[in-house]
Amino acid sequence: MEEFVVLVNPEDEVLGLMEKQQAHINGLLHRAFSVFLFNRKGEMLLQKRASEKYHSPGQWTNAVCSHPRKDETYLAGANRRIKEELGIATELSEKFSFIYKADVGRGLWEHELDHVFIGNYEADFNLNTEEVEEVRYISMEDLDKEISENPENFTEWFKIILEEYKHHF
């Protein structure tokens, strides 16, 4: 099934739709959301992207990153994707939004108006293995250390969003 992203201007006004991979080739600004999930110890959930993904395969990233569909709110999209990827449901709250652009390799760009949500979760997962290879929780201190020692193991957008997250909390 072809997936489309919602193209927008910096004020989040809709400009149209474009097939997802084409938008990533062209580096056009589109709507996105990112979800950070934490356990009771304050550790962040990371997911390892499936090795079959067309970009950034096998890299670690935050719990969920994706795109709302046409006429879908950012929150509804985030809830849909945590169910589709992780097989869970949990309460999410939006914390901030910002625009970034990142070269993700293979001639592809993420240029997103990204709405960032956080939530808490500490139970079992039912992973969609076409999307996610594995998940793990990690302390912020250990995460910073891993990223500084092996930045290639993490998605480009996650490193950007994580830095923006730290500015807000």
Protein backbone atom coordinates (compact mmCIF):
# COMPACT_ATOMS: atom_id res chain seq x y z
CA MET A 1 0.00 0.00 0.00
CA GLU A 2 1.36 3.39 -0.99
CA GLU A 3 1.76 5.75 1.93
CA PHE A 4 1.41 9.49 1.64
CA VAL A 5 2.66 12.32 3.84
CA VAL A 6 1.00 15.68 4.39
CA LEU A 7 3.14 18.47 2.93
CA VAL A 8 3.01 21.70 4.91
CA ASN A 9 4.60 25.11 5.16
CA PRO A 10 6.41 26.19 8.37
CA GLU A 11 3.07 27.41 9.81
CA ASP A 12 1.61 23.88 9.42
CA GLU A 13 -0.73 24.94 6.61
CA VAL A 14 -1.43 21.99 4.31
CA LEU A 15 0.08 22.25 0.81
CA GLY A 16 -0.93 18.80 -0.41
CA LEU A 17 -0.03 15.13 -0.26
CA MET A 18 2.97 13.26 -1.64
CA GLU A 19 4.02 9.64 -1.67
CA LYS A 20 6.26 9.16 1.39
CA GLN A 21 9.43 7.99 -0.32
CA GLN A 22 9.18 10.75 -2.94
CA ALA A 23 8.85 13.38 -0.18
CA HIS A 24 11.97 11.93 1.44
CA ILE A 25 13.86 12.02 -1.87
CA ASN A 26 12.82 15.64 -2.48
CA GLY A 27 13.40 16.71 1.14
CA LEU A 28 10.03 18.46 1.32
CA LEU A 29 8.61 19.67 4.64
CA HIS A 30 5.89 17.36 5.93
CA ARG A 31 4.01 16.52 9.12
CA ALA A 32 5.51 14.02 11.54
CA PHE A 33 5.34 12.96 15.16
CA SER A 34 7.78 11.39 17.58
CA VAL A 35 6.91 9.47 20.74
CA PHE A 36 9.19 9.13 23.75
CA LEU A 37 8.11 6.50 26.28
CA PHE A 38 9.57 6.08 29.76
CA ASN A 39 9.38 3.47 32.51
CA ARG A 40 9.02 4.16 36.26
CA LYS A 41 12.81 4.51 36.62
CA GLY A 42 12.82 7.34 34.07
CA GLU A 43 14.53 5.19 31.43
CA MET A 44 13.68 5.86 27.80
CA LEU A 45 12.35 3.16 25.51
CA LEU A 46 14.36 2.67 22.34
CA GLN A 47 13.33 0.64 19.32
CA LYS A 48 15.70 -0.93 16.85
CA ARG A 49 14.34 -0.43 13.34
CA ALA A 50 13.77 -3.56 11.31
CA SER A 51 16.64 -4.43 8.97
CA GLU A 52 14.23 -4.40 5.99
CA LYS A 53 13.31 -0.71 6.39
CA TYR A 54 14.09 1.35 3.26
CA HIS A 55 16.11 3.86 5.25
CA SER A 56 17.98 3.77 8.56
CA PRO A 57 17.57 -0.03 8.90
CA GLY A 58 18.85 -1.66 12.08
CA GLN A 59 19.43 1.66 13.83
CA TRP A 60 18.16 2.58 17.29
CA THR A 61 15.62 5.36 17.65
CA ASN A 62 12.91 6.56 20.03
CA ALA A 63 9.76 4.52 20.72
CA VAL A 64 7.89 5.61 17.58
CA CYS A 65 8.38 8.11 14.74
CA SER A 66 5.96 8.40 11.86
CA HIS A 67 3.54 10.61 9.95
CA PRO A 68 -0.11 11.47 10.47
CA ARG A 69 -2.37 10.62 7.56
CA LYS A 70 -4.57 13.07 5.69
CA ASP A 71 -7.21 14.46 8.10
CA GLU A 72 -5.63 12.62 11.07
CA THR A 73 -4.47 14.61 14.09
CA TYR A 74 -0.91 14.30 15.31
CA LEU A 75 -2.13 12.60 18.51
CA ALA A 76 -4.36 10.14 16.64
CA GLY A 77 -1.42 9.25 14.39
CA ALA A 78 0.89 8.73 17.37
CA ASN A 79 -1.65 6.46 19.07
CA ARG A 80 -2.19 4.52 15.83
CA ARG A 81 1.55 3.93 15.33
CA ILE A 82 2.34 2.81 18.90
CA LYS A 83 -0.38 0.20 18.41
CA GLU A 84 0.85 -0.79 14.93
CA GLU A 85 4.56 -0.91 15.79
CA LEU A 86 4.74 -1.84 19.48
CA GLY A 87 1.33 -3.47 19.96
CA ILE A 88 0.50 -1.26 22.95
CA ALA A 89 -1.68 1.62 24.03
CA THR A 90 -0.82 4.28 26.59
CA GLU A 91 -1.73 7.88 27.34
CA LEU A 92 0.36 10.42 25.45
CA SER A 93 0.76 14.16 25.93
CA GLU A 94 2.21 16.59 23.42
CA LYS A 95 5.20 18.53 24.73
CA PHE A 96 6.50 20.64 21.83
CA SER A 97 6.92 20.85 18.08
CA PHE A 98 9.77 22.03 15.87
CA ILE A 99 11.13 21.80 12.34
CA TYR A 100 14.29 19.93 11.40
CA LYS A 101 16.00 18.59 8.30
CA ALA A 102 18.33 15.59 8.34
CA ASP A 103 20.22 13.63 5.70
CA VAL A 104 19.32 9.99 6.42
CA GLY A 105 21.52 8.51 3.70
CA ARG A 106 20.70 6.74 0.43
CA GLY A 107 19.72 10.09 -1.11
CA LEU A 108 16.89 10.57 1.40
CA TRP A 109 16.00 13.47 3.68
CA GLU A 110 13.77 13.85 6.69
CA HIS A 111 12.40 17.41 6.63
CA GLU A 112 9.69 17.45 9.21
CA LEU A 113 7.40 19.59 11.27
CA ASP A 114 7.64 17.20 14.21
CA HIS A 115 5.21 17.09 17.14
CA VAL A 116 6.81 15.35 20.11
CA PHE A 117 4.72 13.32 22.56
CA ILE A 118 5.71 11.62 25.80
CA GLY A 119 4.13 8.83 27.79
CA ASN A 120 4.82 6.14 30.33
CA TYR A 121 4.71 2.42 29.67
CA GLU A 122 5.94 -0.59 31.58
CA ALA A 123 4.34 -3.83 30.40
CA ASP A 124 4.64 -6.34 27.59
CA PHE A 125 5.02 -5.47 23.92
CA ASN A 126 3.64 -7.21 20.84
CA LEU A 127 6.21 -6.01 18.29
CA ASN A 128 5.46 -5.75 14.59
CA THR A 129 8.67 -7.35 13.31
CA GLU A 130 8.27 -5.69 9.90
CA GLU A 131 8.85 -2.39 11.73
CA VAL A 132 10.76 -3.17 14.93
CA GLU A 133 13.52 -5.73 15.60
CA GLU A 134 13.72 -5.19 19.34
CA VAL A 135 13.11 -2.70 22.14
CA ARG A 136 14.99 -1.79 25.30
CA TYR A 137 14.93 0.80 28.07
CA ILE A 138 18.03 2.89 28.75
CA SER A 139 18.98 5.63 31.21
CA MET A 140 19.57 9.07 29.74
CA GLU A 141 23.17 8.94 31.01
CA ASP A 142 23.86 5.62 29.26
CA LEU A 143 22.07 6.83 26.13
CA ASP A 144 24.25 9.94 25.92
CA LYS A 145 27.34 7.76 26.34
CA GLU A 146 26.25 5.29 23.63
CA ILE A 147 25.43 8.07 21.17
CA SER A 148 28.77 9.80 21.75
CA GLU A 149 30.72 6.53 21.36
CA ASN A 150 28.72 5.03 18.45
CA PRO A 151 26.58 7.70 16.75
CA GLU A 152 26.19 5.53 13.65
CA ASN A 153 24.02 3.12 15.67
CA PHE A 154 21.28 5.75 16.03
CA THR A 155 18.96 7.40 13.52
CA GLU A 156 19.88 10.92 12.49
CA TRP A 157 16.49 12.32 13.40
CA PHE A 158 16.56 10.75 16.86
CA LYS A 159 19.83 12.50 17.69
CA ILE A 160 18.29 15.83 16.61
CA ILE A 161 14.98 15.29 18.41
CA LEU A 162 16.75 14.11 21.58
CA GLU A 163 18.78 17.33 21.72
CA GLU A 164 15.62 19.39 21.21
CA TYR A 165 13.88 17.33 23.93
CA LYS A 166 16.71 18.13 26.38
CA HIS A 167 16.18 21.87 25.75
CA HIS A 168 12.56 21.56 26.84
CA PHE A 169 13.08 19.46 29.99
